[in-house]
Amino acid sequence: NFSPMVDISRDPRWGRISEGAGEDAYLGSAIARAMVTG
């Protein structure tokens, strides 16, 4: 599976912000772990 997409984004103009966890590295890290183990 070509997932998870864990790119941090702080620019909502970028369309692919929809594919990630948002702007925060701490929360993004927790979600990355959850997705990989899932």
PDB file of all heavy atoms in Angstrom:
ATOM      1  N   ASN A   1       0.824  -1.209   0.000  1.00  0.00           N
ATOM      2  CA  ASN A   1       0.000   0.000   0.000  1.00  0.00           C
ATOM      3  C   ASN A   1       0.858   1.259   0.000  1.00  0.00           C
ATOM      4  O   ASN A   1       1.713   1.435   0.862  1.00  0.00           O
ATOM      5  CB  ASN A   1      -0.915   0.006   1.234  1.00  0.00           C
ATOM      6  CG  ASN A   1      -1.913   1.148   1.205  1.00  0.00           C
ATOM      7  OD1 ASN A   1      -2.076   1.818   0.198  1.00  0.00           O
ATOM      8  ND2 ASN A   1      -2.593   1.367   2.311  1.00  0.00           N
ATOM      9  N   PHE A   2       0.615   2.161  -0.935  1.00  0.00           N
ATOM     10  CA  PHE A   2       1.334   3.429  -0.999  1.00  0.00           C
ATOM     11  C   PHE A   2       0.712   4.418  -0.003  1.00  0.00           C
ATOM     12  O   PHE A   2       0.150   5.456  -0.377  1.00  0.00           O
ATOM     13  CB  PHE A   2       1.307   3.999  -2.418  1.00  0.00           C
ATOM     14  CG  PHE A   2       1.791   3.033  -3.475  1.00  0.00           C
ATOM     15  CD1 PHE A   2       1.210   3.003  -4.723  1.00  0.00           C
ATOM     16  CD2 PHE A   2       2.829   2.156  -3.210  1.00  0.00           C
ATOM     17  CE1 PHE A   2       1.653   2.119  -5.697  1.00  0.00           C
ATOM     18  CE2 PHE A   2       3.277   1.264  -4.181  1.00  0.00           C
ATOM     19  CZ  PHE A   2       2.686   1.247  -5.426  1.00  0.00           C
ATOM     20  N   SER A   3       0.828   4.101   1.249  1.00  0.00           N
ATOM     21  CA  SER A   3       0.261   4.881   2.346  1.00  0.00           C
ATOM     22  C   SER A   3       0.975   4.413   3.617  1.00  0.00           C
ATOM     23  O   SER A   3       1.433   3.260   3.669  1.00  0.00           O
ATOM     24  CB  SER A   3      -1.244   4.632   2.441  1.00  0.00           C
ATOM     25  OG  SER A   3      -1.825   5.259   3.551  1.00  0.00           O
ATOM     26  N   PRO A   4       1.114   5.239   4.659  1.00  0.00           N
ATOM     27  CA  PRO A   4       0.484   6.550   4.845  1.00  0.00           C
ATOM     28  C   PRO A   4       1.275   7.704   4.248  1.00  0.00           C
ATOM     29  O   PRO A   4       2.490   7.626   4.097  1.00  0.00           O
ATOM     30  CB  PRO A   4       0.462   6.683   6.373  1.00  0.00           C
ATOM     31  CG  PRO A   4       1.708   5.951   6.815  1.00  0.00           C
ATOM     32  CD  PRO A   4       1.827   4.776   5.879  1.00  0.00           C
ATOM     33  N   MET A   5       0.553   8.756   3.928  1.00  0.00           N
ATOM     34  CA  MET A   5       1.154  10.024   3.528  1.00  0.00           C
ATOM     35  C   MET A   5       1.299  10.858   4.787  1.00  0.00           C
ATOM     36  O   MET A   5       0.322  11.215   5.421  1.00  0.00           O
ATOM     37  CB  MET A   5       0.267  10.741   2.511  1.00  0.00           C
ATOM     38  CG  MET A   5       0.972  11.885   1.799  1.00  0.00           C
ATOM     39  SD  MET A   5       1.027  13.411   2.742  1.00  0.00           S
ATOM     40  CE  MET A   5      -0.165  14.385   1.881  1.00  0.00           C
ATOM     41  N   VAL A   6       2.541  11.144   5.188  1.00  0.00           N
ATOM     42  CA  VAL A   6       2.784  11.777   6.494  1.00  0.00           C
ATOM     43  C   VAL A   6       3.387  13.176   6.353  1.00  0.00           C
ATOM     44  O   VAL A   6       3.929  13.716   7.315  1.00  0.00           O
ATOM     45  CB  VAL A   6       3.688  10.891   7.383  1.00  0.00           C
ATOM     46  CG1 VAL A   6       3.053   9.522   7.585  1.00  0.00           C
ATOM     47  CG2 VAL A   6       5.089  10.744   6.801  1.00  0.00           C
ATOM     48  N   ASP A   7       3.270  13.770   5.176  1.00  0.00           N
ATOM     49  CA  ASP A   7       3.849  15.093   4.956  1.00  0.00           C
ATOM     50  C   ASP A   7       3.167  16.153   5.815  1.00  0.00           C
ATOM     51  O   ASP A   7       1.935  16.283   5.799  1.00  0.00           O
ATOM     52  CB  ASP A   7       3.708  15.501   3.480  1.00  0.00           C
ATOM     53  CG  ASP A   7       4.353  14.500   2.542  1.00  0.00           C
ATOM     54  OD1 ASP A   7       5.446  14.023   2.863  1.00  0.00           O
ATOM     55  OD2 ASP A   7       3.771  14.209   1.487  1.00  0.00           O
ATOM     56  N   ILE A   8       3.961  16.897   6.556  1.00  0.00           N
ATOM     57  CA  ILE A   8       3.454  18.049   7.299  1.00  0.00           C
ATOM     58  C   ILE A   8       3.180  19.176   6.316  1.00  0.00           C
ATOM     59  O   ILE A   8       4.001  19.465   5.435  1.00  0.00           O
ATOM     60  CB  ILE A   8       4.482  18.513   8.352  1.00  0.00           C
ATOM     61  CG1 ILE A   8       4.677  17.428   9.420  1.00  0.00           C
ATOM     62  CG2 ILE A   8       4.070  19.843   8.994  1.00  0.00           C
ATOM     63  CD1 ILE A   8       3.443  17.111  10.221  1.00  0.00           C
ATOM     64  N   SER A   9       2.029  19.829   6.451  1.00  0.00           N
ATOM     65  CA  SER A   9       1.715  20.961   5.574  1.00  0.00           C
ATOM     66  C   SER A   9       1.109  22.100   6.374  1.00  0.00           C
ATOM     67  O   SER A   9       0.211  21.890   7.192  1.00  0.00           O
ATOM     68  CB  SER A   9       0.747  20.558   4.470  1.00  0.00           C
ATOM     69  OG  SER A   9       0.464  21.668   3.632  1.00  0.00           O
ATOM     70  N   ARG A  10       1.604  23.287   6.107  1.00  0.00           N
ATOM     71  CA  ARG A  10       1.093  24.502   6.747  1.00  0.00           C
ATOM     72  C   ARG A  10       0.591  25.492   5.716  1.00  0.00           C
ATOM     73  O   ARG A  10       0.507  26.685   5.979  1.00  0.00           O
ATOM     74  CB  ARG A  10       2.214  25.107   7.599  1.00  0.00           C
ATOM     75  CG  ARG A  10       2.548  24.195   8.771  1.00  0.00           C
ATOM     76  CD  ARG A  10       3.817  24.528   9.465  1.00  0.00           C
ATOM     77  NE  ARG A  10       3.967  23.665  10.643  1.00  0.00           N
ATOM     78  CZ  ARG A  10       4.991  23.698  11.461  1.00  0.00           C
ATOM     79  NH1 ARG A  10       5.982  24.535  11.256  1.00  0.00           N
ATOM     80  NH2 ARG A  10       5.042  22.890  12.506  1.00  0.00           N
ATOM     81  N   ASP A  11       0.264  24.971   4.547  1.00  0.00           N
ATOM     82  CA  ASP A  11      -0.206  25.815   3.454  1.00  0.00           C
ATOM     83  C   ASP A  11      -1.455  25.187   2.845  1.00  0.00           C
ATOM     84  O   ASP A  11      -1.365  24.253   2.054  1.00  0.00           O
ATOM     85  CB  ASP A  11       0.884  25.956   2.387  1.00  0.00           C
ATOM     86  CG  ASP A  11       0.569  27.053   1.381  1.00  0.00           C
ATOM     87  OD1 ASP A  11      -0.621  27.365   1.204  1.00  0.00           O
ATOM     88  OD2 ASP A  11       1.516  27.593   0.784  1.00  0.00           O
ATOM     89  N   PRO A  12      -2.644  25.690   3.205  1.00  0.00           N
ATOM     90  CA  PRO A  12      -3.876  25.085   2.690  1.00  0.00           C
ATOM     91  C   PRO A  12      -4.090  25.295   1.196  1.00  0.00           C
ATOM     92  O   PRO A  12      -5.002  24.694   0.625  1.00  0.00           O
ATOM     93  CB  PRO A  12      -4.980  25.763   3.514  1.00  0.00           C
ATOM     94  CG  PRO A  12      -4.376  27.037   3.985  1.00  0.00           C
ATOM     95  CD  PRO A  12      -2.917  26.762   4.177  1.00  0.00           C
ATOM     96  N   ARG A  13      -3.267  26.122   0.565  1.00  0.00           N
ATOM     97  CA  ARG A  13      -3.359  26.223  -0.896  1.00  0.00           C
ATOM     98  C   ARG A  13      -2.943  24.905  -1.554  1.00  0.00           C
ATOM     99  O   ARG A  13      -3.398  24.585  -2.646  1.00  0.00           O
ATOM    100  CB  ARG A  13      -2.475  27.363  -1.409  1.00  0.00           C
ATOM    101  CG  ARG A  13      -2.905  28.746  -0.951  1.00  0.00           C
ATOM    102  CD  ARG A  13      -1.889  29.793  -1.342  1.00  0.00           C
ATOM    103  NE  ARG A  13      -0.584  29.546  -0.728  1.00  0.00           N
ATOM    104  CZ  ARG A  13       0.499  30.298  -0.944  1.00  0.00           C
ATOM    105  NH1 ARG A  13       0.427  31.342  -1.750  1.00  0.00           N
ATOM    106  NH2 ARG A  13       1.642  30.008  -0.341  1.00  0.00           N
ATOM    107  N   TRP A  14      -2.035  24.166  -0.895  1.00  0.00           N
ATOM    108  CA  TRP A  14      -1.551  22.890  -1.428  1.00  0.00           C
ATOM    109  C   TRP A  14      -2.668  21.860  -1.349  1.00  0.00           C
ATOM    110  O   TRP A  14      -3.154  21.538  -0.265  1.00  0.00           O
ATOM    111  CB  TRP A  14      -0.342  22.426  -0.616  1.00  0.00           C
ATOM    112  CG  TRP A  14       0.372  21.246  -1.160  1.00  0.00           C
ATOM    113  CD1 TRP A  14       0.827  21.077  -2.432  1.00  0.00           C
ATOM    114  CD2 TRP A  14       0.724  20.053  -0.442  1.00  0.00           C
ATOM    115  NE1 TRP A  14       1.463  19.854  -2.550  1.00  0.00           N
ATOM    116  CE2 TRP A  14       1.415  19.202  -1.348  1.00  0.00           C
ATOM    117  CE3 TRP A  14       0.554  19.624   0.869  1.00  0.00           C
ATOM    118  CZ2 TRP A  14       1.907  17.960  -0.982  1.00  0.00           C
ATOM    119  CZ3 TRP A  14       1.054  18.384   1.243  1.00  0.00           C
ATOM    120  CH2 TRP A  14       1.719  17.564   0.330  1.00  0.00           C
ATOM    121  N   GLY A  15      -3.066  21.322  -2.489  1.00  0.00           N
ATOM    122  CA  GLY A  15      -4.203  20.409  -2.514  1.00  0.00           C
ATOM    123  C   GLY A  15      -3.999  19.152  -1.726  1.00  0.00           C
ATOM    124  O   GLY A  15      -4.955  18.572  -1.191  1.00  0.00           O
ATOM    125  N   ARG A  16      -2.738  18.709  -1.600  1.00  0.00           N
ATOM    126  CA  ARG A  16      -2.490  17.432  -0.957  1.00  0.00           C
ATOM    127  C   ARG A  16      -2.453  17.537   0.571  1.00  0.00           C
ATOM    128  O   ARG A  16      -2.217  16.527   1.246  1.00  0.00           O
ATOM    129  CB  ARG A  16      -1.203  16.810  -1.489  1.00  0.00           C
ATOM    130  CG  ARG A  16      -1.243  16.583  -2.979  1.00  0.00           C
ATOM    131  CD  ARG A  16      -0.150  15.667  -3.489  1.00  0.00           C
ATOM    132  NE  ARG A  16      -0.497  14.264  -3.279  1.00  0.00           N
ATOM    133  CZ  ARG A  16       0.163  13.257  -3.836  1.00  0.00           C
ATOM    134  NH1 ARG A  16       1.193  13.492  -4.632  1.00  0.00           N
ATOM    135  NH2 ARG A  16      -0.194  12.007  -3.614  1.00  0.00           N
ATOM    136  N   ILE A  17      -2.754  18.706   1.109  1.00  0.00           N
ATOM    137  CA  ILE A  17      -2.946  18.788   2.559  1.00  0.00           C
ATOM    138  C   ILE A  17      -4.075  17.850   2.977  1.00  0.00           C
ATOM    139  O   ILE A  17      -4.101  17.347   4.099  1.00  0.00           O
ATOM    140  CB  ILE A  17      -3.240  20.240   3.004  1.00  0.00           C
ATOM    141  CG1 ILE A  17      -3.118  20.371   4.530  1.00  0.00           C
ATOM    142  CG2 ILE A  17      -4.591  20.721   2.509  1.00  0.00           C
ATOM    143  CD1 ILE A  17      -3.218  21.805   5.038  1.00  0.00           C
ATOM    144  N   SER A  18      -4.985  17.570   2.042  1.00  0.00           N
ATOM    145  CA  SER A  18      -6.112  16.669   2.313  1.00  0.00           C
ATOM    146  C   SER A  18      -5.672  15.252   2.630  1.00  0.00           C
ATOM    147  O   SER A  18      -6.391  14.495   3.290  1.00  0.00           O
ATOM    148  CB  SER A  18      -7.050  16.638   1.106  1.00  0.00           C
ATOM    149  OG  SER A  18      -6.360  16.164  -0.042  1.00  0.00           O
ATOM    150  N   GLU A  19      -4.483  14.847   2.163  1.00  0.00           N
ATOM    151  CA  GLU A  19      -4.017  13.460   2.299  1.00  0.00           C
ATOM    152  C   GLU A  19      -3.219  13.205   3.576  1.00  0.00           C
ATOM    153  O   GLU A  19      -2.827  12.059   3.833  1.00  0.00           O
ATOM    154  CB  GLU A  19      -3.137  13.084   1.112  1.00  0.00           C
ATOM    155  CG  GLU A  19      -3.857  13.030  -0.218  1.00  0.00           C
ATOM    156  CD  GLU A  19      -2.893  12.686  -1.335  1.00  0.00           C
ATOM    157  OE1 GLU A  19      -2.128  11.720  -1.179  1.00  0.00           O
ATOM    158  OE2 GLU A  19      -2.879  13.402  -2.342  1.00  0.00           O
ATOM    159  N   GLY A  20      -2.938  14.253   4.340  1.00  0.00           N
ATOM    160  CA  GLY A  20      -2.101  14.093   5.518  1.00  0.00           C
ATOM    161  C   GLY A  20      -2.819  14.438   6.798  1.00  0.00           C
ATOM    162  O   GLY A  20      -4.048  14.589   6.839  1.00  0.00           O
ATOM    163  N   ALA A  21      -2.017  14.596   7.859  1.00  0.00           N
ATOM    164  CA  ALA A  21      -2.574  14.828   9.194  1.00  0.00           C
ATOM    165  C   ALA A  21      -2.591  16.293   9.590  1.00  0.00           C
ATOM    166  O   ALA A  21      -2.991  16.612  10.703  1.00  0.00           O
ATOM    167  CB  ALA A  21      -1.779  14.028  10.223  1.00  0.00           C
ATOM    168  N   GLY A  22      -2.118  17.191   8.714  1.00  0.00           N
ATOM    169  CA  GLY A  22      -2.159  18.606   9.035  1.00  0.00           C
ATOM    170  C   GLY A  22      -0.792  19.186   9.299  1.00  0.00           C
ATOM    171  O   GLY A  22       0.208  18.797   8.693  1.00  0.00           O
ATOM    172  N   GLU A  23      -0.723  20.118  10.266  1.00  0.00           N
ATOM    173  CA  GLU A  23       0.451  20.971  10.419  1.00  0.00           C
ATOM    174  C   GLU A  23       1.410  20.561  11.520  1.00  0.00           C
ATOM    175  O   GLU A  23       2.505  21.115  11.612  1.00  0.00           O
ATOM    176  CB  GLU A  23      -0.005  22.406  10.695  1.00  0.00           C
ATOM    177  CG  GLU A  23      -0.602  22.620  12.078  1.00  0.00           C
ATOM    178  CD  GLU A  23      -1.132  24.028  12.291  1.00  0.00           C
ATOM    179  OE1 GLU A  23      -1.770  24.580  11.361  1.00  0.00           O
ATOM    180  OE2 GLU A  23      -0.920  24.585  13.383  1.00  0.00           O
ATOM    181  N   ASP A  24       1.038  19.613  12.363  1.00  0.00           N
ATOM    182  CA  ASP A  24       1.808  19.382  13.588  1.00  0.00           C
ATOM    183  C   ASP A  24       2.595  18.083  13.547  1.00  0.00           C
ATOM    184  O   ASP A  24       2.047  17.008  13.264  1.00  0.00           O
ATOM    185  CB  ASP A  24       0.870  19.365  14.793  1.00  0.00           C
ATOM    186  CG  ASP A  24       1.651  19.249  16.089  1.00  0.00           C
ATOM    187  OD1 ASP A  24       2.263  20.256  16.492  1.00  0.00           O
ATOM    188  OD2 ASP A  24       1.670  18.148  16.671  1.00  0.00           O
ATOM    189  N   ALA A  25       3.892  18.164  13.886  1.00  0.00           N
ATOM    190  CA  ALA A  25       4.771  17.002  13.834  1.00  0.00           C
ATOM    191  C   ALA A  25       4.459  15.981  14.927  1.00  0.00           C
ATOM    192  O   ALA A  25       4.587  14.771  14.706  1.00  0.00           O
ATOM    193  CB  ALA A  25       6.230  17.445  13.930  1.00  0.00           C
ATOM    194  N   TYR A  26       4.059  16.432  16.109  1.00  0.00           N
ATOM    195  CA  TYR A  26       3.770  15.507  17.216  1.00  0.00           C
ATOM    196  C   TYR A  26       2.529  14.674  16.898  1.00  0.00           C
ATOM    197  O   TYR A  26       2.550  13.439  16.992  1.00  0.00           O
ATOM    198  CB  TYR A  26       3.576  16.300  18.507  1.00  0.00           C
ATOM    199  CG  TYR A  26       3.341  15.442  19.736  1.00  0.00           C
ATOM    200  CD1 TYR A  26       4.408  15.004  20.510  1.00  0.00           C
ATOM    201  CD2 TYR A  26       2.059  15.066  20.116  1.00  0.00           C
ATOM    202  CE1 TYR A  26       4.204  14.205  21.634  1.00  0.00           C
ATOM    203  CE2 TYR A  26       1.843  14.278  21.234  1.00  0.00           C
ATOM    204  CZ  TYR A  26       2.917  13.853  21.992  1.00  0.00           C
ATOM    205  OH  TYR A  26       2.707  13.060  23.102  1.00  0.00           O
ATOM    206  N   LEU A  27       1.452  15.324  16.516  1.00  0.00           N
ATOM    207  CA  LEU A  27       0.231  14.605  16.155  1.00  0.00           C
ATOM    208  C   LEU A  27       0.464  13.769  14.904  1.00  0.00           C
ATOM    209  O   LEU A  27       0.026  12.611  14.818  1.00  0.00           O
ATOM    210  CB  LEU A  27      -0.916  15.588  15.931  1.00  0.00           C
ATOM    211  CG  LEU A  27      -2.257  14.992  15.511  1.00  0.00           C
ATOM    212  CD1 LEU A  27      -2.789  14.048  16.578  1.00  0.00           C
ATOM    213  CD2 LEU A  27      -3.267  16.086  15.211  1.00  0.00           C
ATOM    214  N   GLY A  28       1.171  14.341  13.916  1.00  0.00           N
ATOM    215  CA  GLY A  28       1.453  13.606  12.693  1.00  0.00           C
ATOM    216  C   GLY A  28       2.243  12.338  12.949  1.00  0.00           C
ATOM    217  O   GLY A  28       2.032  11.310  12.299  1.00  0.00           O
ATOM    218  N   SER A  29       3.152  12.375  13.926  1.00  0.00           N
ATOM    219  CA  SER A  29       3.936  11.191  14.273  1.00  0.00           C
ATOM    220  C   SER A  29       3.055  10.106  14.884  1.00  0.00           C
ATOM    221  O   SER A  29       3.197   8.917  14.580  1.00  0.00           O
ATOM    222  CB  SER A  29       5.059  11.571  15.245  1.00  0.00           C
ATOM    223  OG  SER A  29       5.983  12.447  14.641  1.00  0.00           O
ATOM    224  N   ALA A  30       2.146  10.509  15.752  1.00  0.00           N
ATOM    225  CA  ALA A  30       1.237   9.540  16.372  1.00  0.00           C
ATOM    226  C   ALA A  30       0.361   8.862  15.324  1.00  0.00           C
ATOM    227  O   ALA A  30       0.133   7.644  15.373  1.00  0.00           O
ATOM    228  CB  ALA A  30       0.371  10.238  17.422  1.00  0.00           C
ATOM    229  N   ILE A  31      -0.115   9.639  14.364  1.00  0.00           N
ATOM    230  CA  ILE A  31      -0.971   9.085  13.315  1.00  0.00           C
ATOM    231  C   ILE A  31      -0.160   8.192  12.387  1.00  0.00           C
ATOM    232  O   ILE A  31      -0.644   7.139  11.942  1.00  0.00           O
ATOM    233  CB  ILE A  31      -1.682  10.221  12.555  1.00  0.00           C
ATOM    234  CG1 ILE A  31      -2.709  10.890  13.490  1.00  0.00           C
ATOM    235  CG2 ILE A  31      -2.361   9.705  11.289  1.00  0.00           C
ATOM    236  CD1 ILE A  31      -3.357  12.125  12.918  1.00  0.00           C
ATOM    237  N   ALA A  32       1.079   8.579  12.094  1.00  0.00           N
ATOM    238  CA  ALA A  32       1.944   7.739  11.254  1.00  0.00           C
ATOM    239  C   ALA A  32       2.129   6.363  11.883  1.00  0.00           C
ATOM    240  O   ALA A  32       2.037   5.322  11.206  1.00  0.00           O
ATOM    241  CB  ALA A  32       3.297   8.423  11.050  1.00  0.00           C
ATOM    242  N   ARG A  33       2.383   6.334  13.189  1.00  0.00           N
ATOM    243  CA  ARG A  33       2.541   5.047  13.887  1.00  0.00           C
ATOM    244  C   ARG A  33       1.261   4.217  13.815  1.00  0.00           C
ATOM    245  O   ARG A  33       1.300   2.999  13.575  1.00  0.00           O
ATOM    246  CB  ARG A  33       2.934   5.290  15.349  1.00  0.00           C
ATOM    247  CG  ARG A  33       4.360   5.774  15.551  1.00  0.00           C
ATOM    248  CD  ARG A  33       4.738   5.786  17.021  1.00  0.00           C
ATOM    249  NE  ARG A  33       4.034   6.819  17.764  1.00  0.00           N
ATOM    250  CZ  ARG A  33       4.493   8.064  17.952  1.00  0.00           C
ATOM    251  NH1 ARG A  33       5.668   8.411  17.451  1.00  0.00           N
ATOM    252  NH2 ARG A  33       3.799   8.935  18.657  1.00  0.00           N
ATOM    253  N   ALA A  34       0.135   4.868  14.019  1.00  0.00           N
ATOM    254  CA  ALA A  34      -1.147   4.150  14.003  1.00  0.00           C
ATOM    255  C   ALA A  34      -1.423   3.544  12.634  1.00  0.00           C
ATOM    256  O   ALA A  34      -1.896   2.397  12.530  1.00  0.00           O
ATOM    257  CB  ALA A  34      -2.275   5.097  14.409  1.00  0.00           C
ATOM    258  N   MET A  35      -1.125   4.288  11.580  1.00  0.00           N
ATOM    259  CA  MET A  35      -1.394   3.796  10.231  1.00  0.00           C
ATOM    260  C   MET A  35      -0.474   2.637   9.861  1.00  0.00           C
ATOM    261  O   MET A  35      -0.923   1.622   9.320  1.00  0.00           O
ATOM    262  CB  MET A  35      -1.229   4.939   9.223  1.00  0.00           C
ATOM    263  CG  MET A  35      -2.209   6.080   9.381  1.00  0.00           C
ATOM    264  SD  MET A  35      -3.915   5.638   9.000  1.00  0.00           S
ATOM    265  CE  MET A  35      -3.855   5.564   7.217  1.00  0.00           C
ATOM    266  N   VAL A  36       0.807   2.773  10.145  1.00  0.00           N
ATOM    267  CA  VAL A  36       1.757   1.711   9.797  1.00  0.00           C
ATOM    268  C   VAL A  36       1.402   0.421  10.528  1.00  0.00           C
ATOM    269  O   VAL A  36       1.353  -0.665   9.930  1.00  0.00           O
ATOM    270  CB  VAL A  36       3.204   2.144  10.109  1.00  0.00           C
ATOM    271  CG1 VAL A  36       4.161   0.950  10.030  1.00  0.00           C
ATOM    272  CG2 VAL A  36       3.649   3.234   9.141  1.00  0.00           C
ATOM    273  N   THR A  37       1.152   0.507  11.827  1.00  0.00           N
ATOM    274  CA  THR A  37       0.821  -0.701  12.586  1.00  0.00           C
ATOM    275  C   THR A  37      -0.535  -1.265  12.171  1.00  0.00           C
ATOM    276  O   THR A  37      -0.740  -2.487  12.207  1.00  0.00           O
ATOM    277  CB  THR A  37       0.832  -0.422  14.100  1.00  0.00           C
ATOM    278  OG1 THR A  37      -0.050   0.675  14.393  1.00  0.00           O
ATOM    279  CG2 THR A  37       2.230  -0.068  14.575  1.00  0.00           C
ATOM    280  N   GLY A  38      -1.439  -0.407  11.743  1.00  0.00           N
ATOM    281  CA  GLY A  38      -2.726  -0.885  11.246  1.00  0.00           C
ATOM    282  C   GLY A  38      -2.587  -1.675   9.957  1.00  0.00           C
ATOM    283  O   GLY A  38      -3.196  -2.740   9.795  1.00  0.00           O
TER     284      GLY A  38
END
